[in-house]
Amino acid sequence: MPQHILIVEDDARLAELIAAYLTKHGYQVSLHGRGDTAPAFILETRPDLVVLDVMLPGKEGFDVCRDVRPHYGGRILMMTARDEDVDEILGLELGADDYLAKPVEPRRLLARIRARSSSGP
């Protein structure tokens, strides 16, 4: 069974491009576009990995990460346009496993997913 990746991203075009790329490489991908409903969706679907944007409508990705981390054992990779060191440190301190600044080369994202994966597709 392929690994399930949830992309929490409000830019629908970007989310769909990433989803198509990851699907092409053997992953099952779901999309979600709001921060305020993301925690419940993550806990309900229990994906293997969450690719989490920081700037989301309803609730910031930092808050989503903080809310779900105590109840979710999967990996969280924050991918955001916020590229200051303090933002990366905050994301990691809140429980993210990795942090990438946008724009992200798709092959780099895939490499990060595979590097942290116990079993790739």
PDB file of N, CA and C in Angstrom:
ATOM      1  N   MET A   1       0.848  -1.184   0.000  1.00  0.00           N
ATOM      2  CA  MET A   1       0.000   0.000   0.000  1.00  0.00           C
ATOM      3  C   MET A   1       0.893   1.247   0.000  1.00  0.00           C
ATOM      4  N   PRO A   2       0.624   2.190  -0.893  1.00  0.00           N
ATOM      5  CA  PRO A   2       1.467   3.386  -0.959  1.00  0.00           C
ATOM      6  C   PRO A   2       1.314   4.264   0.285  1.00  0.00           C
ATOM      7  N   GLN A   3       2.379   4.983   0.583  1.00  0.00           N
ATOM      8  CA  GLN A   3       2.318   5.920   1.695  1.00  0.00           C
ATOM      9  C   GLN A   3       1.325   7.026   1.366  1.00  0.00           C
ATOM     10  N   HIS A   4       0.622   7.474   2.412  1.00  0.00           N
ATOM     11  CA  HIS A   4      -0.384   8.528   2.267  1.00  0.00           C
ATOM     12  C   HIS A   4       0.217   9.853   2.713  1.00  0.00           C
ATOM     13  N   ILE A   5       0.215  10.827   1.817  1.00  0.00           N
ATOM     14  CA  ILE A   5       0.714  12.172   2.118  1.00  0.00           C
ATOM     15  C   ILE A   5      -0.459  13.137   2.050  1.00  0.00           C
ATOM     16  N   LEU A   6      -0.606  13.928   3.088  1.00  0.00           N
ATOM     17  CA  LEU A   6      -1.616  14.985   3.123  1.00  0.00           C
ATOM     18  C   LEU A   6      -0.918  16.318   2.901  1.00  0.00           C
ATOM     19  N   ILE A   7      -1.365  17.058   1.909  1.00  0.00           N
ATOM     20  CA  ILE A   7      -0.828  18.392   1.638  1.00  0.00           C
ATOM     21  C   ILE A   7      -1.837  19.404   2.163  1.00  0.00           C
ATOM     22  N   VAL A   8      -1.420  20.191   3.147  1.00  0.00           N
ATOM     23  CA  VAL A   8      -2.267  21.256   3.696  1.00  0.00           C
ATOM     24  C   VAL A   8      -1.716  22.564   3.145  1.00  0.00           C
ATOM     25  N   GLU A   9      -2.384  23.063   2.114  1.00  0.00           N
ATOM     26  CA  GLU A   9      -1.908  24.216   1.338  1.00  0.00           C
ATOM     27  C   GLU A   9      -3.109  24.953   0.776  1.00  0.00           C
ATOM     28  N   ASP A  10      -3.169  26.267   0.974  1.00  0.00           N
ATOM     29  CA  ASP A  10      -4.317  27.038   0.472  1.00  0.00           C
ATOM     30  C   ASP A  10      -4.182  27.471  -0.976  1.00  0.00           C
ATOM     31  N   ASP A  11      -3.008  27.366  -1.550  1.00  0.00           N
ATOM     32  CA  ASP A  11      -2.816  27.665  -2.968  1.00  0.00           C
ATOM     33  C   ASP A  11      -3.172  26.392  -3.744  1.00  0.00           C
ATOM     34  N   ALA A  12      -4.407  26.339  -4.243  1.00  0.00           N
ATOM     35  CA  ALA A  12      -4.919  25.125  -4.882  1.00  0.00           C
ATOM     36  C   ALA A  12      -4.068  24.699  -6.072  1.00  0.00           C
ATOM     37  N   ARG A  13      -3.612  25.640  -6.854  1.00  0.00           N
ATOM     38  CA  ARG A  13      -2.790  25.296  -8.027  1.00  0.00           C
ATOM     39  C   ARG A  13      -1.493  24.626  -7.605  1.00  0.00           C
ATOM     40  N   LEU A  14      -0.817  25.201  -6.617  1.00  0.00           N
ATOM     41  CA  LEU A  14       0.430  24.625  -6.115  1.00  0.00           C
ATOM     42  C   LEU A  14       0.176  23.243  -5.508  1.00  0.00           C
ATOM     43  N   ALA A  15      -0.873  23.132  -4.707  1.00  0.00           N
ATOM     44  CA  ALA A  15      -1.198  21.852  -4.072  1.00  0.00           C
ATOM     45  C   ALA A  15      -1.447  20.771  -5.123  1.00  0.00           C
ATOM     46  N   GLU A  16      -2.165  21.121  -6.179  1.00  0.00           N
ATOM     47  CA  GLU A  16      -2.465  20.145  -7.232  1.00  0.00           C
ATOM     48  C   GLU A  16      -1.209  19.750  -8.004  1.00  0.00           C
ATOM     49  N   LEU A  17      -0.308  20.689  -8.246  1.00  0.00           N
ATOM     50  CA  LEU A  17       0.948  20.364  -8.928  1.00  0.00           C
ATOM     51  C   LEU A  17       1.797  19.412  -8.077  1.00  0.00           C
ATOM     52  N   ILE A  18       1.898  19.700  -6.785  1.00  0.00           N
ATOM     53  CA  ILE A  18       2.665  18.826  -5.889  1.00  0.00           C
ATOM     54  C   ILE A  18       2.013  17.455  -5.810  1.00  0.00           C
ATOM     55  N   ALA A  19       0.694  17.431  -5.698  1.00  0.00           N
ATOM     56  CA  ALA A  19      -0.026  16.161  -5.614  1.00  0.00           C
ATOM     57  C   ALA A  19       0.202  15.325  -6.866  1.00  0.00           C
ATOM     58  N   ALA A  20       0.142  15.933  -8.035  1.00  0.00           N
ATOM     59  CA  ALA A  20       0.362  15.199  -9.282  1.00  0.00           C
ATOM     60  C   ALA A  20       1.776  14.628  -9.333  1.00  0.00           C
ATOM     61  N   TYR A  21       2.742  15.418  -8.905  1.00  0.00           N
ATOM     62  CA  TYR A  21       4.139  14.969  -8.915  1.00  0.00           C
ATOM     63  C   TYR A  21       4.339  13.795  -7.961  1.00  0.00           C
ATOM     64  N   LEU A  22       3.798  13.911  -6.747  1.00  0.00           N
ATOM     65  CA  LEU A  22       3.965  12.834  -5.766  1.00  0.00           C
ATOM     66  C   LEU A  22       3.189  11.582  -6.160  1.00  0.00           C
ATOM     67  N   THR A  23       2.015  11.762  -6.739  1.00  0.00           N
ATOM     68  CA  THR A  23       1.233  10.622  -7.209  1.00  0.00           C
ATOM     69  C   THR A  23       2.003   9.872  -8.301  1.00  0.00           C
ATOM     70  N   LYS A  24       2.615  10.623  -9.197  1.00  0.00           N
ATOM     71  CA  LYS A  24       3.429  10.041 -10.270  1.00  0.00           C
ATOM     72  C   LYS A  24       4.569   9.194  -9.698  1.00  0.00           C
ATOM     73  N   HIS A  25       5.019   9.539  -8.495  1.00  0.00           N
ATOM     74  CA  HIS A  25       6.113   8.815  -7.861  1.00  0.00           C
ATOM     75  C   HIS A  25       5.627   7.778  -6.843  1.00  0.00           C
ATOM     76  N   GLY A  26       4.348   7.418  -6.918  1.00  0.00           N
ATOM     77  CA  GLY A  26       3.861   6.279  -6.158  1.00  0.00           C
ATOM     78  C   GLY A  26       3.208   6.560  -4.822  1.00  0.00           C
ATOM     79  N   TYR A  27       2.948   7.809  -4.509  1.00  0.00           N
ATOM     80  CA  TYR A  27       2.316   8.152  -3.237  1.00  0.00           C
ATOM     81  C   TYR A  27       0.817   8.357  -3.414  1.00  0.00           C
ATOM     82  N   GLN A  28       0.082   8.066  -2.363  1.00  0.00           N
ATOM     83  CA  GLN A  28      -1.340   8.411  -2.304  1.00  0.00           C
ATOM     84  C   GLN A  28      -1.396   9.804  -1.684  1.00  0.00           C
ATOM     85  N   VAL A  29      -2.087  10.741  -2.314  1.00  0.00           N
ATOM     86  CA  VAL A  29      -2.064  12.132  -1.865  1.00  0.00           C
ATOM     87  C   VAL A  29      -3.479  12.649  -1.644  1.00  0.00           C
ATOM     88  N   SER A  30      -3.658  13.350  -0.515  1.00  0.00           N
ATOM     89  CA  SER A  30      -4.896  14.061  -0.215  1.00  0.00           C
ATOM     90  C   SER A  30      -4.559  15.534  -0.060  1.00  0.00           C
ATOM     91  N   LEU A  31      -5.550  16.383  -0.311  1.00  0.00           N
ATOM     92  CA  LEU A  31      -5.365  17.828  -0.209  1.00  0.00           C
ATOM     93  C   LEU A  31      -6.329  18.403   0.816  1.00  0.00           C
ATOM     94  N   HIS A  32      -5.860  19.436   1.514  1.00  0.00           N
ATOM     95  CA  HIS A  32      -6.708  20.172   2.447  1.00  0.00           C
ATOM     96  C   HIS A  32      -6.247  21.624   2.405  1.00  0.00           C
ATOM     97  N   GLY A  33      -7.171  22.573   2.408  1.00  0.00           N
ATOM     98  CA  GLY A  33      -6.793  23.961   2.172  1.00  0.00           C
ATOM     99  C   GLY A  33      -6.989  24.942   3.306  1.00  0.00           C
ATOM    100  N   ARG A  34      -7.404  24.476   4.499  1.00  0.00           N
ATOM    101  CA  ARG A  34      -7.672  25.421   5.594  1.00  0.00           C
ATOM    102  C   ARG A  34      -6.963  24.981   6.872  1.00  0.00           C
ATOM    103  N   GLY A  35      -6.439  25.979   7.581  1.00  0.00           N
ATOM    104  CA  GLY A  35      -5.770  25.682   8.841  1.00  0.00           C
ATOM    105  C   GLY A  35      -6.719  25.357   9.976  1.00  0.00           C
ATOM    106  N   ASP A  36      -7.881  26.026  10.007  1.00  0.00           N
ATOM    107  CA  ASP A  36      -8.786  25.825  11.138  1.00  0.00           C
ATOM    108  C   ASP A  36      -9.429  24.438  11.153  1.00  0.00           C
ATOM    109  N   THR A  37      -9.544  23.788  10.016  1.00  0.00           N
ATOM    110  CA  THR A  37     -10.117  22.439   9.972  1.00  0.00           C
ATOM    111  C   THR A  37      -9.055  21.361   9.774  1.00  0.00           C
ATOM    112  N   ALA A  38      -7.811  21.765   9.562  1.00  0.00           N
ATOM    113  CA  ALA A  38      -6.733  20.801   9.316  1.00  0.00           C
ATOM    114  C   ALA A  38      -6.466  19.857  10.492  1.00  0.00           C
ATOM    115  N   PRO A  39      -6.425  20.328  11.749  1.00  0.00           N
ATOM    116  CA  PRO A  39      -6.128  19.380  12.828  1.00  0.00           C
ATOM    117  C   PRO A  39      -7.096  18.197  12.876  1.00  0.00           C
ATOM    118  N   ALA A  40      -8.381  18.462  12.782  1.00  0.00           N
ATOM    119  CA  ALA A  40      -9.360  17.367  12.809  1.00  0.00           C
ATOM    120  C   ALA A  40      -9.169  16.452  11.608  1.00  0.00           C
ATOM    121  N   PHE A  41      -8.881  17.026  10.437  1.00  0.00           N
ATOM    122  CA  PHE A  41      -8.689  16.221   9.236  1.00  0.00           C
ATOM    123  C   PHE A  41      -7.452  15.334   9.367  1.00  0.00           C
ATOM    124  N   ILE A  42      -6.372  15.887   9.903  1.00  0.00           N
ATOM    125  CA  ILE A  42      -5.140  15.112  10.097  1.00  0.00           C
ATOM    126  C   ILE A  42      -5.392  13.955  11.058  1.00  0.00           C
ATOM    127  N   LEU A  43      -6.044  14.239  12.175  1.00  0.00           N
ATOM    128  CA  LEU A  43      -6.279  13.204  13.173  1.00  0.00           C
ATOM    129  C   LEU A  43      -7.277  12.158  12.691  1.00  0.00           C
ATOM    130  N   GLU A  44      -8.181  12.547  11.824  1.00  0.00           N
ATOM    131  CA  GLU A  44      -9.156  11.609  11.266  1.00  0.00           C
ATOM    132  C   GLU A  44      -8.526  10.697  10.210  1.00  0.00           C
ATOM    133  N   THR A  45      -7.714  11.270   9.324  1.00  0.00           N
ATOM    134  CA  THR A  45      -7.172  10.493   8.207  1.00  0.00           C
ATOM    135  C   THR A  45      -5.846   9.810   8.520  1.00  0.00           C
ATOM    136  N   ARG A  46      -5.102  10.307   9.499  1.00  0.00           N
ATOM    137  CA  ARG A  46      -3.828   9.717   9.926  1.00  0.00           C
ATOM    138  C   ARG A  46      -2.880   9.413   8.759  1.00  0.00           C
ATOM    139  N   PRO A  47      -2.519  10.445   7.976  1.00  0.00           N
ATOM    140  CA  PRO A  47      -1.584  10.207   6.869  1.00  0.00           C
ATOM    141  C   PRO A  47      -0.198   9.846   7.410  1.00  0.00           C
ATOM    142  N   ASP A  48       0.627   9.271   6.552  1.00  0.00           N
ATOM    143  CA  ASP A  48       2.004   8.960   6.952  1.00  0.00           C
ATOM    144  C   ASP A  48       2.835  10.227   7.085  1.00  0.00           C
ATOM    145  N   LEU A  49       2.492  11.238   6.278  1.00  0.00           N
ATOM    146  CA  LEU A  49       3.234  12.497   6.262  1.00  0.00           C
ATOM    147  C   LEU A  49       2.274  13.634   5.958  1.00  0.00           C
ATOM    148  N   VAL A  50       2.474  14.757   6.656  1.00  0.00           N
ATOM    149  CA  VAL A  50       1.727  15.985   6.371  1.00  0.00           C
ATOM    150  C   VAL A  50       2.722  17.008   5.846  1.00  0.00           C
ATOM    151  N   VAL A  51       2.455  17.537   4.650  1.00  0.00           N
ATOM    152  CA  VAL A  51       3.205  18.673   4.118  1.00  0.00           C
ATOM    153  C   VAL A  51       2.352  19.884   4.456  1.00  0.00           C
ATOM    154  N   LEU A  52       2.856  20.713   5.366  1.00  0.00           N
ATOM    155  CA  LEU A  52       2.052  21.753   6.002  1.00  0.00           C
ATOM    156  C   LEU A  52       2.570  23.146   5.679  1.00  0.00           C
ATOM    157  N   ASP A  53       1.724  23.956   5.047  1.00  0.00           N
ATOM    158  CA  ASP A  53       2.048  25.359   4.809  1.00  0.00           C
ATOM    159  C   ASP A  53       1.891  26.110   6.128  1.00  0.00           C
ATOM    160  N   VAL A  54       2.556  27.232   6.271  1.00  0.00           N
ATOM    161  CA  VAL A  54       2.432  28.031   7.492  1.00  0.00           C
ATOM    162  C   VAL A  54       1.292  29.037   7.368  1.00  0.00           C
ATOM    163  N   MET A  55       1.229  29.747   6.251  1.00  0.00           N
ATOM    164  CA  MET A  55       0.228  30.800   6.100  1.00  0.00           C
ATOM    165  C   MET A  55      -1.041  30.210   5.478  1.00  0.00           C
ATOM    166  N   LEU A  56      -1.986  29.878   6.348  1.00  0.00           N
ATOM    167  CA  LEU A  56      -3.242  29.243   5.941  1.00  0.00           C
ATOM    168  C   LEU A  56      -4.427  30.058   6.430  1.00  0.00           C
ATOM    169  N   PRO A  57      -5.552  29.994   5.739  1.00  0.00           N
ATOM    170  CA  PRO A  57      -6.749  30.669   6.250  1.00  0.00           C
ATOM    171  C   PRO A  57      -7.289  29.940   7.475  1.00  0.00           C
ATOM    172  N   GLY A  58      -7.718  30.722   8.454  1.00  0.00           N
ATOM    173  CA  GLY A  58      -8.350  30.163   9.643  1.00  0.00           C
ATOM    174  C   GLY A  58      -7.413  29.885  10.798  1.00  0.00           C
ATOM    175  N   LYS A  59      -6.221  29.391  10.513  1.00  0.00           N
ATOM    176  CA  LYS A  59      -5.245  29.080  11.562  1.00  0.00           C
ATOM    177  C   LYS A  59      -3.889  28.866  10.903  1.00  0.00           C
ATOM    178  N   GLU A  60      -2.846  29.428  11.486  1.00  0.00           N
ATOM    179  CA  GLU A  60      -1.501  29.263  10.944  1.00  0.00           C
ATOM    180  C   GLU A  60      -1.024  27.817  11.076  1.00  0.00           C
ATOM    181  N   GLY A  61      -0.164  27.421  10.159  1.00  0.00           N
ATOM    182  CA  GLY A  61       0.417  26.083  10.204  1.00  0.00           C
ATOM    183  C   GLY A  61       1.182  25.814  11.488  1.00  0.00           C
ATOM    184  N   PHE A  62       1.814  26.837  12.067  1.00  0.00           N
ATOM    185  CA  PHE A  62       2.500  26.653  13.343  1.00  0.00           C
ATOM    186  C   PHE A  62       1.510  26.158  14.404  1.00  0.00           C
ATOM    187  N   ASP A  63       0.323  26.767  14.438  1.00  0.00           N
ATOM    188  CA  ASP A  63      -0.701  26.374  15.405  1.00  0.00           C
ATOM    189  C   ASP A  63      -1.244  24.983  15.103  1.00  0.00           C
ATOM    190  N   VAL A  64      -1.392  24.663  13.831  1.00  0.00           N
ATOM    191  CA  VAL A  64      -1.839  23.327  13.444  1.00  0.00           C
ATOM    192  C   VAL A  64      -0.834  22.294  13.950  1.00  0.00           C
ATOM    193  N   CYS A  65       0.433  22.545  13.717  1.00  0.00           N
ATOM    194  CA  CYS A  65       1.491  21.632  14.157  1.00  0.00           C
ATOM    195  C   CYS A  65       1.444  21.451  15.676  1.00  0.00           C
ATOM    196  N   ARG A  66       1.353  22.546  16.395  1.00  0.00           N
ATOM    197  CA  ARG A  66       1.302  22.494  17.860  1.00  0.00           C
ATOM    198  C   ARG A  66       0.079  21.704  18.335  1.00  0.00           C
ATOM    199  N   ASP A  67      -1.061  21.894  17.675  1.00  0.00           N
ATOM    200  CA  ASP A  67      -2.295  21.222  18.085  1.00  0.00           C
ATOM    201  C   ASP A  67      -2.259  19.715  17.841  1.00  0.00           C
ATOM    202  N   VAL A  68      -1.702  19.297  16.704  1.00  0.00           N
ATOM    203  CA  VAL A  68      -1.768  17.871  16.367  1.00  0.00           C
ATOM    204  C   VAL A  68      -0.603  17.058  16.894  1.00  0.00           C
ATOM    205  N   ARG A  69       0.543  17.663  17.110  1.00  0.00           N
ATOM    206  CA  ARG A  69       1.736  16.895  17.470  1.00  0.00           C
ATOM    207  C   ARG A  69       1.531  15.952  18.672  1.00  0.00           C
ATOM    208  N   PRO A  70       0.848  16.366  19.738  1.00  0.00           N
ATOM    209  CA  PRO A  70       0.690  15.439  20.872  1.00  0.00           C
ATOM    210  C   PRO A  70      -0.162  14.206  20.550  1.00  0.00           C
ATOM    211  N   HIS A  71      -0.944  14.265  19.467  1.00  0.00           N
ATOM    212  CA  HIS A  71      -1.887  13.197  19.147  1.00  0.00           C
ATOM    213  C   HIS A  71      -1.579  12.493  17.831  1.00  0.00           C
ATOM    214  N   TYR A  72      -0.559  12.935  17.137  1.00  0.00           N
ATOM    215  CA  TYR A  72      -0.253  12.432  15.793  1.00  0.00           C
ATOM    216  C   TYR A  72       1.216  12.038  15.735  1.00  0.00           C
ATOM    217  N   GLY A  73       1.466  10.770  15.451  1.00  0.00           N
ATOM    218  CA  GLY A  73       2.835  10.265  15.427  1.00  0.00           C
ATOM    219  C   GLY A  73       3.492  10.284  14.061  1.00  0.00           C
ATOM    220  N   GLY A  74       2.761  10.695  13.022  1.00  0.00           N
ATOM    221  CA  GLY A  74       3.328  10.751  11.678  1.00  0.00           C
ATOM    222  C   GLY A  74       4.277  11.924  11.525  1.00  0.00           C
ATOM    223  N   ARG A  75       4.882  12.013  10.371  1.00  0.00           N
ATOM    224  CA  ARG A  75       5.852  13.072  10.112  1.00  0.00           C
ATOM    225  C   ARG A  75       5.166  14.339   9.610  1.00  0.00           C
ATOM    226  N   ILE A  76       5.721  15.484   9.977  1.00  0.00           N
ATOM    227  CA  ILE A  76       5.231  16.781   9.524  1.00  0.00           C
ATOM    228  C   ILE A  76       6.391  17.520   8.873  1.00  0.00           C
ATOM    229  N   LEU A  77       6.186  17.901   7.618  1.00  0.00           N
ATOM    230  CA  LEU A  77       7.168  18.674   6.877  1.00  0.00           C
ATOM    231  C   LEU A  77       6.529  20.026   6.573  1.00  0.00           C
ATOM    232  N   MET A  78       7.065  21.071   7.150  1.00  0.00           N
ATOM    233  CA  MET A  78       6.537  22.408   6.895  1.00  0.00           C
ATOM    234  C   MET A  78       7.182  22.941   5.618  1.00  0.00           C
ATOM    235  N   MET A  79       6.340  23.478   4.732  1.00  0.00           N
ATOM    236  CA  MET A  79       6.799  24.023   3.465  1.00  0.00           C
ATOM    237  C   MET A  79       6.128  25.383   3.305  1.00  0.00           C
ATOM    238  N   THR A  80       6.937  26.435   3.362  1.00  0.00           N
ATOM    239  CA  THR A  80       6.357  27.764   3.449  1.00  0.00           C
ATOM    240  C   THR A  80       7.232  28.825   2.802  1.00  0.00           C
ATOM    241  N   ALA A  81       6.626  29.934   2.460  1.00  0.00           N
ATOM    242  CA  ALA A  81       7.359  31.073   1.923  1.00  0.00           C
ATOM    243  C   ALA A  81       8.097  31.823   3.033  1.00  0.00           C
ATOM    244  N   ARG A  82       7.786  31.532   4.274  1.00  0.00           N
ATOM    245  CA  ARG A  82       8.473  32.190   5.397  1.00  0.00           C
ATOM    246  C   ARG A  82       9.821  31.507   5.584  1.00  0.00           C
ATOM    247  N   ASP A  83      10.884  32.211   5.185  1.00  0.00           N
ATOM    248  CA  ASP A  83      12.198  31.581   5.149  1.00  0.00           C
ATOM    249  C   ASP A  83      13.199  32.153   6.157  1.00  0.00           C
ATOM    250  N   GLU A  84      12.707  32.856   7.142  1.00  0.00           N
ATOM    251  CA  GLU A  84      13.591  33.377   8.176  1.00  0.00           C
ATOM    252  C   GLU A  84      14.013  32.233   9.110  1.00  0.00           C
ATOM    253  N   ASP A  85      15.227  32.320   9.633  1.00  0.00           N
ATOM    254  CA  ASP A  85      15.717  31.287  10.550  1.00  0.00           C
ATOM    255  C   ASP A  85      14.787  31.100  11.738  1.00  0.00           C
ATOM    256  N   VAL A  86      14.255  32.201  12.257  1.00  0.00           N
ATOM    257  CA  VAL A  86      13.390  32.118  13.434  1.00  0.00           C
ATOM    258  C   VAL A  86      12.127  31.311  13.126  1.00  0.00           C
ATOM    259  N   ASP A  87      11.608  31.412  11.902  1.00  0.00           N
ATOM    260  CA  ASP A  87      10.426  30.639  11.519  1.00  0.00           C
ATOM    261  C   ASP A  87      10.753  29.153  11.448  1.00  0.00           C
ATOM    262  N   GLU A  88      11.894  28.822  10.860  1.00  0.00           N
ATOM    263  CA  GLU A  88      12.302  27.417  10.783  1.00  0.00           C
ATOM    264  C   GLU A  88      12.508  26.844  12.178  1.00  0.00           C
ATOM    265  N   ILE A  89      13.177  27.580  13.038  1.00  0.00           N
ATOM    266  CA  ILE A  89      13.407  27.123  14.407  1.00  0.00           C
ATOM    267  C   ILE A  89      12.080  26.924  15.128  1.00  0.00           C
ATOM    268  N   LEU A  90      11.164  27.869  14.986  1.00  0.00           N
ATOM    269  CA  LEU A  90       9.857  27.755  15.631  1.00  0.00           C
ATOM    270  C   LEU A  90       9.123  26.504  15.139  1.00  0.00           C
ATOM    271  N   GLY A  91       9.110  26.291  13.827  1.00  0.00           N
ATOM    272  CA  GLY A  91       8.443  25.115  13.279  1.00  0.00           C
ATOM    273  C   GLY A  91       9.014  23.824  13.844  1.00  0.00           C
ATOM    274  N   LEU A  92      10.325  23.734  13.897  1.00  0.00           N
ATOM    275  CA  LEU A  92      10.963  22.528  14.424  1.00  0.00           C
ATOM    276  C   LEU A  92      10.703  22.368  15.922  1.00  0.00           C
ATOM    277  N   GLU A  93      10.722  23.477  16.656  1.00  0.00           N
ATOM    278  CA  GLU A  93      10.451  23.406  18.099  1.00  0.00           C
ATOM    279  C   GLU A  93       9.004  23.014  18.398  1.00  0.00           C
ATOM    280  N   LEU A  94       8.089  23.332  17.482  1.00  0.00           N
ATOM    281  CA  LEU A  94       6.684  22.979  17.670  1.00  0.00           C
ATOM    282  C   LEU A  94       6.386  21.534  17.282  1.00  0.00           C
ATOM    283  N   GLY A  95       7.389  20.851  16.730  1.00  0.00           N
ATOM    284  CA  GLY A  95       7.203  19.439  16.432  1.00  0.00           C
ATOM    285  C   GLY A  95       7.328  19.034  14.984  1.00  0.00           C
ATOM    286  N   ALA A  96       7.609  19.977  14.082  1.00  0.00           N
ATOM    287  CA  ALA A  96       7.819  19.595  12.686  1.00  0.00           C
ATOM    288  C   ALA A  96       9.093  18.769  12.578  1.00  0.00           C
ATOM    289  N   ASP A  97       9.101  17.834  11.655  1.00  0.00           N
ATOM    290  CA  ASP A  97      10.271  16.992  11.434  1.00  0.00           C
ATOM    291  C   ASP A  97      11.231  17.597  10.414  1.00  0.00           C
ATOM    292  N   ASP A  98      10.725  18.480   9.576  1.00  0.00           N
ATOM    293  CA  ASP A  98      11.542  19.099   8.546  1.00  0.00           C
ATOM    294  C   ASP A  98      10.886  20.421   8.158  1.00  0.00           C
ATOM    295  N   TYR A  99      11.643  21.288   7.470  1.00  0.00           N
ATOM    296  CA  TYR A  99      11.169  22.623   7.106  1.00  0.00           C
ATOM    297  C   TYR A  99      11.807  22.995   5.783  1.00  0.00           C
ATOM    298  N   LEU A 100      11.000  23.327   4.801  1.00  0.00           N
ATOM    299  CA  LEU A 100      11.491  23.755   3.496  1.00  0.00           C
ATOM    300  C   LEU A 100      10.888  25.105   3.146  1.00  0.00           C
ATOM    301  N   ALA A 101      11.724  25.991   2.597  1.00  0.00           N
ATOM    302  CA  ALA A 101      11.242  27.296   2.159  1.00  0.00           C
ATOM    303  C   ALA A 101      10.822  27.215   0.689  1.00  0.00           C
ATOM    304  N   LYS A 102       9.673  27.842   0.384  1.00  0.00           N
ATOM    305  CA  LYS A 102       9.212  27.934  -1.002  1.00  0.00           C
ATOM    306  C   LYS A 102       9.994  29.028  -1.709  1.00  0.00           C
ATOM    307  N   PRO A 103      10.154  28.959  -2.987  1.00  0.00           N
ATOM    308  CA  PRO A 103       9.721  27.864  -3.857  1.00  0.00           C
ATOM    309  C   PRO A 103      10.626  26.651  -3.676  1.00  0.00           C
ATOM    310  N   VAL A 104      10.038  25.473  -3.809  1.00  0.00           N
ATOM    311  CA  VAL A 104      10.755  24.220  -3.621  1.00  0.00           C
ATOM    312  C   VAL A 104      10.809  23.476  -4.944  1.00  0.00           C
ATOM    313  N   GLU A 105      11.990  23.066  -5.310  1.00  0.00           N
ATOM    314  CA  GLU A 105      12.167  22.207  -6.479  1.00  0.00           C
ATOM    315  C   GLU A 105      11.485  20.869  -6.168  1.00  0.00           C
ATOM    316  N   PRO A 106      10.586  20.386  -7.021  1.00  0.00           N
ATOM    317  CA  PRO A 106       9.867  19.138  -6.736  1.00  0.00           C
ATOM    318  C   PRO A 106      10.778  17.961  -6.401  1.00  0.00           C
ATOM    319  N   ARG A 107      11.916  17.855  -7.089  1.00  0.00           N
ATOM    320  CA  ARG A 107      12.833  16.741  -6.789  1.00  0.00           C
ATOM    321  C   ARG A 107      13.418  16.870  -5.397  1.00  0.00           C
ATOM    322  N   ARG A 108      13.619  18.082  -4.939  1.00  0.00           N
ATOM    323  CA  ARG A 108      14.135  18.292  -3.582  1.00  0.00           C
ATOM    324  C   ARG A 108      13.092  17.878  -2.547  1.00  0.00           C
ATOM    325  N   LEU A 109      11.830  18.245  -2.781  1.00  0.00           N
ATOM    326  CA  LEU A 109      10.760  17.829  -1.884  1.00  0.00           C
ATOM    327  C   LEU A 109      10.673  16.306  -1.843  1.00  0.00           C
ATOM    328  N   LEU A 110      10.703  15.672  -2.996  1.00  0.00           N
ATOM    329  CA  LEU A 110      10.649  14.213  -3.065  1.00  0.00           C
ATOM    330  C   LEU A 110      11.829  13.584  -2.324  1.00  0.00           C
ATOM    331  N   ALA A 111      13.005  14.147  -2.491  1.00  0.00           N
ATOM    332  CA  ALA A 111      14.190  13.626  -1.795  1.00  0.00           C
ATOM    333  C   ALA A 111      14.027  13.738  -0.282  1.00  0.00           C
ATOM    334  N   ARG A 112      13.488  14.858   0.192  1.00  0.00           N
ATOM    335  CA  ARG A 112      13.260  15.026   1.627  1.00  0.00           C
ATOM    336  C   ARG A 112      12.241  14.007   2.143  1.00  0.00           C
ATOM    337  N   ILE A 113      11.188  13.783   1.366  1.00  0.00           N
ATOM    338  CA  ILE A 113      10.171  12.810   1.765  1.00  0.00           C
ATOM    339  C   ILE A 113      10.792  11.421   1.840  1.00  0.00           C
ATOM    340  N   ARG A 114      11.548  11.046   0.837  1.00  0.00           N
ATOM    341  CA  ARG A 114      12.171   9.722   0.808  1.00  0.00           C
ATOM    342  C   ARG A 114      13.240   9.564   1.881  1.00  0.00           C
ATOM    343  N   ALA A 115      14.004  10.615   2.157  1.00  0.00           N
ATOM    344  CA  ALA A 115      15.078  10.541   3.147  1.00  0.00           C
ATOM    345  C   ALA A 115      14.557  10.283   4.541  1.00  0.00           C
ATOM    346  N   ARG A 116      13.386  10.774   4.833  1.00  0.00           N
ATOM    347  CA  ARG A 116      12.810  10.635   6.153  1.00  0.00           C
ATOM    348  C   ARG A 116      11.839   9.451   6.238  1.00  0.00           C
ATOM    349  N   SER A 117      11.686   8.759   5.126  1.00  0.00           N
ATOM    350  CA  SER A 117      10.701   7.685   5.036  1.00  0.00           C
ATOM    351  C   SER A 117      11.322   6.357   5.455  1.00  0.00           C
ATOM    352  N   SER A 118      10.587   5.595   6.238  1.00  0.00           N
ATOM    353  CA  SER A 118      11.058   4.273   6.615  1.00  0.00           C
ATOM    354  C   SER A 118      10.885   3.287   5.469  1.00  0.00           C
ATOM    355  N   SER A 119       9.915   3.576   4.607  1.00  0.00           N
ATOM    356  CA  SER A 119       9.721   2.727   3.428  1.00  0.00           C
ATOM    357  C   SER A 119       9.075   3.553   2.325  1.00  0.00           C
ATOM    358  N   GLY A 120       9.788   3.747   1.239  1.00  0.00           N
ATOM    359  CA  GLY A 120       9.263   4.520   0.121  1.00  0.00           C
ATOM    360  C   GLY A 120       8.337   3.688  -0.736  1.00  0.00           C
ATOM    361  N   PRO A 121       7.690   4.310  -1.691  1.00  0.00           N
ATOM    362  CA  PRO A 121       6.793   3.566  -2.578  1.00  0.00           C
ATOM    363  C   PRO A 121       7.573   2.678  -3.533  1.00  0.00           C
TER     364      PRO A 121
END
